[in-house]
Amino acid sequence: MLRLIVIVAAISIGCRMLLGKWPWDYLRAGSPRRQAVSRARRLLGVADNADRAEIIAAHKRLVAVVHPDRGGTAGQVHEANAARDLLLDQLPPHGLDQS
C-alpha cells in the first residue's frame, strides 16, 4: 500500500513539473464560458481585474500587430475582436462602476 502511495505521489509531482498542472486539474473541467474568458484574457494579455480602458488598449495593441496590412490575417483580427467583446461583456454596466 505504501508503495502505491509513493508511486502516485511521484506521478503527481512529475506531472506538475513537466506539464505545469497537477493531475487533478485536468479532471476539473471548467465551464466553456469560463474557458473562453480565460483564453480571451491570455490573448489580449490582460489581468483578471482589467477595466474597460485596459481591455480596449490591449485590443488596439493586438490589432495593430495582427492586422492584414501588417502581415496578419482577417481571422486574427476577428479573434481579437471577439476576445474584446467577450471581456467587455463580463464587466458591470459602464455607469455602475464602483470606486
N, C-alpha and C. Protein backbone atom coordinates (compact mmCIF):
# COMPACT_ATOMS: atom_id res chain seq x y z
N MET A 1 0.83 -1.20 0.00
CA MET A 1 0.00 0.00 0.00
C MET A 1 0.87 1.26 0.00
N LEU A 2 1.92 1.22 0.79
CA LEU A 2 2.82 2.36 0.85
C LEU A 2 3.50 2.58 -0.50
N ARG A 3 3.82 1.50 -1.18
CA ARG A 3 4.44 1.58 -2.50
C ARG A 3 3.51 2.29 -3.49
N LEU A 4 2.22 1.99 -3.43
CA LEU A 4 1.23 2.62 -4.31
C LEU A 4 1.14 4.12 -4.04
N ILE A 5 1.16 4.51 -2.78
CA ILE A 5 1.09 5.93 -2.41
C ILE A 5 2.32 6.67 -2.94
N VAL A 6 3.49 6.04 -2.81
CA VAL A 6 4.72 6.66 -3.30
C VAL A 6 4.69 6.81 -4.82
N ILE A 7 4.18 5.81 -5.51
CA ILE A 7 4.09 5.86 -6.97
C ILE A 7 3.14 6.97 -7.41
N VAL A 8 1.98 7.05 -6.78
CA VAL A 8 1.00 8.10 -7.11
C VAL A 8 1.58 9.48 -6.83
N ALA A 9 2.29 9.63 -5.72
CA ALA A 9 2.90 10.92 -5.39
C ALA A 9 3.97 11.28 -6.43
N ALA A 10 4.77 10.32 -6.84
CA ALA A 10 5.81 10.58 -7.83
C ALA A 10 5.21 10.98 -9.18
N ILE A 11 4.15 10.30 -9.57
CA ILE A 11 3.47 10.63 -10.83
C ILE A 11 2.87 12.04 -10.75
N SER A 12 2.27 12.37 -9.62
CA SER A 12 1.66 13.69 -9.46
C SER A 12 2.71 14.79 -9.53
N ILE A 13 3.82 14.59 -8.85
CA ILE A 13 4.89 15.60 -8.86
C ILE A 13 5.51 15.70 -10.25
N GLY A 14 5.69 14.58 -10.90
CA GLY A 14 6.22 14.58 -12.27
C GLY A 14 5.31 15.32 -13.22
N CYS A 15 4.02 15.10 -13.10
CA CYS A 15 3.04 15.80 -13.93
C CYS A 15 3.13 17.31 -13.70
N ARG A 16 3.22 17.70 -12.45
CA ARG A 16 3.31 19.12 -12.11
C ARG A 16 4.58 19.74 -12.68
N MET A 17 5.69 19.01 -12.59
CA MET A 17 6.96 19.54 -13.07
C MET A 17 7.00 19.61 -14.60
N LEU A 18 6.48 18.60 -15.27
CA LEU A 18 6.57 18.54 -16.72
C LEU A 18 5.49 19.36 -17.43
N LEU A 19 4.27 19.32 -16.91
CA LEU A 19 3.14 19.95 -17.60
C LEU A 19 2.66 21.24 -16.95
N GLY A 20 3.12 21.52 -15.74
CA GLY A 20 2.74 22.77 -15.08
C GLY A 20 1.42 22.71 -14.33
N LYS A 21 0.76 21.56 -14.33
CA LYS A 21 -0.52 21.41 -13.62
C LYS A 21 -0.51 20.11 -12.84
N TRP A 22 -1.26 20.09 -11.77
CA TRP A 22 -1.45 18.86 -11.02
C TRP A 22 -2.40 17.96 -11.80
N PRO A 23 -2.31 16.66 -11.63
CA PRO A 23 -3.18 15.74 -12.39
C PRO A 23 -4.67 16.02 -12.17
N TRP A 24 -5.06 16.38 -10.97
CA TRP A 24 -6.47 16.61 -10.70
C TRP A 24 -6.98 17.89 -11.37
N ASP A 25 -6.08 18.78 -11.78
CA ASP A 25 -6.52 19.96 -12.52
C ASP A 25 -7.07 19.58 -13.89
N TYR A 26 -6.56 18.50 -14.46
CA TYR A 26 -7.06 18.03 -15.74
C TYR A 26 -8.43 17.37 -15.61
N LEU A 27 -8.74 16.88 -14.43
CA LEU A 27 -10.03 16.25 -14.20
C LEU A 27 -11.13 17.27 -13.96
N ARG A 28 -10.74 18.44 -13.52
CA ARG A 28 -11.68 19.50 -13.20
C ARG A 28 -11.93 20.34 -14.44
N ALA A 29 -13.00 20.06 -15.13
CA ALA A 29 -13.32 20.80 -16.35
C ALA A 29 -14.11 22.05 -15.99
N GLY A 30 -13.60 23.20 -16.39
CA GLY A 30 -14.31 24.44 -16.15
C GLY A 30 -15.43 24.61 -17.17
N SER A 31 -16.29 25.55 -16.90
CA SER A 31 -17.38 25.80 -17.84
C SER A 31 -16.80 26.35 -19.14
N PRO A 32 -17.47 26.10 -20.25
CA PRO A 32 -16.96 26.62 -21.54
C PRO A 32 -16.85 28.14 -21.54
N ARG A 33 -17.77 28.81 -20.89
CA ARG A 33 -17.73 30.28 -20.83
C ARG A 33 -16.48 30.74 -20.08
N ARG A 34 -16.20 30.08 -18.96
CA ARG A 34 -15.03 30.46 -18.17
C ARG A 34 -13.74 30.19 -18.95
N GLN A 35 -13.71 29.09 -19.68
CA GLN A 35 -12.55 28.78 -20.51
C GLN A 35 -12.39 29.82 -21.61
N ALA A 36 -13.48 30.25 -22.20
CA ALA A 36 -13.42 31.26 -23.26
C ALA A 36 -12.92 32.60 -22.71
N VAL A 37 -13.38 32.96 -21.52
CA VAL A 37 -12.94 34.21 -20.90
C VAL A 37 -11.44 34.13 -20.57
N SER A 38 -11.01 33.00 -20.07
CA SER A 38 -9.60 32.82 -19.75
C SER A 38 -8.74 32.91 -21.01
N ARG A 39 -9.20 32.29 -22.07
CA ARG A 39 -8.46 32.34 -23.35
C ARG A 39 -8.42 33.77 -23.89
N ALA A 40 -9.52 34.50 -23.76
CA ALA A 40 -9.57 35.89 -24.22
C ALA A 40 -8.61 36.75 -23.43
N ARG A 41 -8.54 36.53 -22.11
CA ARG A 41 -7.60 37.30 -21.28
C ARG A 41 -6.15 37.02 -21.68
N ARG A 42 -5.85 35.74 -21.95
CA ARG A 42 -4.49 35.39 -22.38
C ARG A 42 -4.18 36.02 -23.75
N LEU A 43 -5.13 35.98 -24.66
CA LEU A 43 -4.92 36.53 -25.99
C LEU A 43 -4.62 38.03 -25.92
N LEU A 44 -5.41 38.74 -25.14
CA LEU A 44 -5.20 40.19 -25.04
C LEU A 44 -4.12 40.56 -24.04
N GLY A 45 -3.75 39.62 -23.17
CA GLY A 45 -2.71 39.89 -22.19
C GLY A 45 -3.16 40.82 -21.08
N VAL A 46 -4.39 40.64 -20.60
CA VAL A 46 -4.90 41.48 -19.52
C VAL A 46 -5.14 40.64 -18.27
N ALA A 47 -5.12 41.30 -17.14
CA ALA A 47 -5.33 40.63 -15.85
C ALA A 47 -6.82 40.37 -15.62
N ASP A 48 -7.10 39.56 -14.62
CA ASP A 48 -8.49 39.24 -14.28
C ASP A 48 -9.29 40.47 -13.87
N ASN A 49 -8.61 41.45 -13.28
CA ASN A 49 -9.32 42.65 -12.80
C ASN A 49 -9.16 43.83 -13.76
N ALA A 50 -8.88 43.56 -15.03
CA ALA A 50 -8.69 44.65 -16.00
C ALA A 50 -10.00 45.41 -16.20
N ASP A 51 -9.87 46.72 -16.30
CA ASP A 51 -11.06 47.54 -16.52
C ASP A 51 -11.27 47.76 -18.02
N ARG A 52 -12.30 48.51 -18.34
CA ARG A 52 -12.69 48.75 -19.73
C ARG A 52 -11.55 49.37 -20.54
N ALA A 53 -10.88 50.37 -19.98
CA ALA A 53 -9.81 51.07 -20.69
C ALA A 53 -8.63 50.12 -20.97
N GLU A 54 -8.29 49.28 -20.01
CA GLU A 54 -7.18 48.34 -20.21
C GLU A 54 -7.50 47.31 -21.30
N ILE A 55 -8.74 46.84 -21.32
CA ILE A 55 -9.15 45.86 -22.32
C ILE A 55 -9.10 46.48 -23.72
N ILE A 56 -9.61 47.69 -23.83
CA ILE A 56 -9.62 48.37 -25.14
C ILE A 56 -8.21 48.69 -25.60
N ALA A 57 -7.35 49.13 -24.68
CA ALA A 57 -5.96 49.43 -25.05
C ALA A 57 -5.23 48.16 -25.49
N ALA A 58 -5.44 47.06 -24.78
CA ALA A 58 -4.80 45.79 -25.15
C ALA A 58 -5.30 45.33 -26.51
N HIS A 59 -6.59 45.51 -26.77
CA HIS A 59 -7.16 45.13 -28.06
C HIS A 59 -6.52 45.94 -29.19
N LYS A 60 -6.37 47.23 -28.99
CA LYS A 60 -5.77 48.09 -30.02
C LYS A 60 -4.33 47.67 -30.30
N ARG A 61 -3.58 47.35 -29.23
CA ARG A 61 -2.20 46.91 -29.43
C ARG A 61 -2.15 45.62 -30.23
N LEU A 62 -3.03 44.67 -29.89
CA LEU A 62 -3.04 43.39 -30.59
C LEU A 62 -3.45 43.54 -32.05
N VAL A 63 -4.48 44.33 -32.30
CA VAL A 63 -4.94 44.52 -33.68
C VAL A 63 -3.86 45.22 -34.51
N ALA A 64 -3.10 46.12 -33.92
CA ALA A 64 -2.02 46.78 -34.65
C ALA A 64 -0.97 45.77 -35.11
N VAL A 65 -0.82 44.69 -34.36
CA VAL A 65 0.18 43.67 -34.71
C VAL A 65 -0.38 42.67 -35.72
N VAL A 66 -1.64 42.26 -35.56
CA VAL A 66 -2.18 41.18 -36.38
C VAL A 66 -3.02 41.66 -37.57
N HIS A 67 -3.06 42.96 -37.79
CA HIS A 67 -3.85 43.49 -38.91
C HIS A 67 -3.32 42.97 -40.23
N PRO A 68 -4.19 42.69 -41.20
CA PRO A 68 -3.74 42.18 -42.50
C PRO A 68 -2.73 43.10 -43.21
N ASP A 69 -2.82 44.39 -43.00
CA ASP A 69 -1.85 45.31 -43.59
C ASP A 69 -0.46 45.16 -43.00
N ARG A 70 -0.39 44.53 -41.83
CA ARG A 70 0.89 44.31 -41.14
C ARG A 70 1.36 42.87 -41.23
N GLY A 71 0.71 42.07 -42.07
CA GLY A 71 1.13 40.69 -42.23
C GLY A 71 0.28 39.68 -41.48
N GLY A 72 -0.73 40.15 -40.76
CA GLY A 72 -1.64 39.25 -40.07
C GLY A 72 -2.75 38.80 -40.99
N THR A 73 -3.77 38.22 -40.38
CA THR A 73 -4.91 37.75 -41.18
C THR A 73 -6.20 38.34 -40.63
N ALA A 74 -7.22 38.29 -41.47
CA ALA A 74 -8.54 38.78 -41.03
C ALA A 74 -9.05 37.91 -39.88
N GLY A 75 -8.74 36.63 -39.90
CA GLY A 75 -9.16 35.74 -38.82
C GLY A 75 -8.59 36.14 -37.48
N GLN A 76 -7.33 36.58 -37.48
CA GLN A 76 -6.72 37.03 -36.23
C GLN A 76 -7.40 38.29 -35.70
N VAL A 77 -7.76 39.18 -36.61
CA VAL A 77 -8.46 40.40 -36.20
C VAL A 77 -9.84 40.05 -35.64
N HIS A 78 -10.54 39.11 -36.29
CA HIS A 78 -11.85 38.69 -35.79
C HIS A 78 -11.72 38.05 -34.41
N GLU A 79 -10.68 37.26 -34.21
CA GLU A 79 -10.46 36.63 -32.91
C GLU A 79 -10.18 37.67 -31.83
N ALA A 80 -9.39 38.69 -32.17
CA ALA A 80 -9.12 39.78 -31.22
C ALA A 80 -10.40 40.54 -30.90
N ASN A 81 -11.23 40.79 -31.91
CA ASN A 81 -12.49 41.50 -31.69
C ASN A 81 -13.42 40.67 -30.79
N ALA A 82 -13.48 39.38 -31.04
CA ALA A 82 -14.34 38.51 -30.22
C ALA A 82 -13.85 38.47 -28.78
N ALA A 83 -12.53 38.44 -28.58
CA ALA A 83 -11.97 38.44 -27.23
C ALA A 83 -12.32 39.74 -26.51
N ARG A 84 -12.16 40.87 -27.21
CA ARG A 84 -12.52 42.16 -26.62
C ARG A 84 -13.99 42.20 -26.22
N ASP A 85 -14.86 41.78 -27.13
CA ASP A 85 -16.30 41.83 -26.86
C ASP A 85 -16.67 40.93 -25.68
N LEU A 86 -16.09 39.74 -25.61
CA LEU A 86 -16.37 38.82 -24.52
C LEU A 86 -15.96 39.41 -23.18
N LEU A 87 -14.76 40.01 -23.13
CA LEU A 87 -14.29 40.58 -21.87
C LEU A 87 -15.08 41.83 -21.48
N LEU A 88 -15.47 42.62 -22.45
CA LEU A 88 -16.28 43.80 -22.13
C LEU A 88 -17.66 43.40 -21.63
N ASP A 89 -18.19 42.29 -22.13
CA ASP A 89 -19.49 41.79 -21.65
C ASP A 89 -19.41 41.31 -20.21
N GLN A 90 -18.23 40.93 -19.75
CA GLN A 90 -18.05 40.45 -18.38
C GLN A 90 -18.06 41.60 -17.36
N LEU A 91 -17.82 42.82 -17.82
CA LEU A 91 -17.74 43.96 -16.92
C LEU A 91 -19.13 44.42 -16.51
N PRO A 92 -19.22 45.07 -15.35
CA PRO A 92 -20.52 45.66 -14.99
C PRO A 92 -20.86 46.77 -15.97
N PRO A 93 -22.14 47.14 -16.07
CA PRO A 93 -22.53 48.23 -16.97
C PRO A 93 -21.70 49.47 -16.73
N HIS A 94 -21.44 50.22 -17.82
CA HIS A 94 -20.49 51.34 -17.80
C HIS A 94 -20.78 52.37 -16.70
N GLY A 95 -22.02 52.71 -16.47
CA GLY A 95 -22.34 53.74 -15.49
C GLY A 95 -22.37 53.25 -14.06
N LEU A 96 -22.23 51.94 -13.83
CA LEU A 96 -22.36 51.38 -12.50
C LEU A 96 -21.02 50.95 -11.89
N ASP A 97 -19.89 51.40 -12.42
CA ASP A 97 -18.60 51.05 -11.85
C ASP A 97 -18.52 51.59 -10.43
N GLN A 98 -18.12 50.72 -9.52
CA GLN A 98 -18.00 51.13 -8.13
C GLN A 98 -16.56 51.47 -7.83
N SER A 99 -16.32 52.64 -7.26
CA SER A 99 -14.96 53.08 -6.96
C SER A 99 -14.66 52.93 -5.50
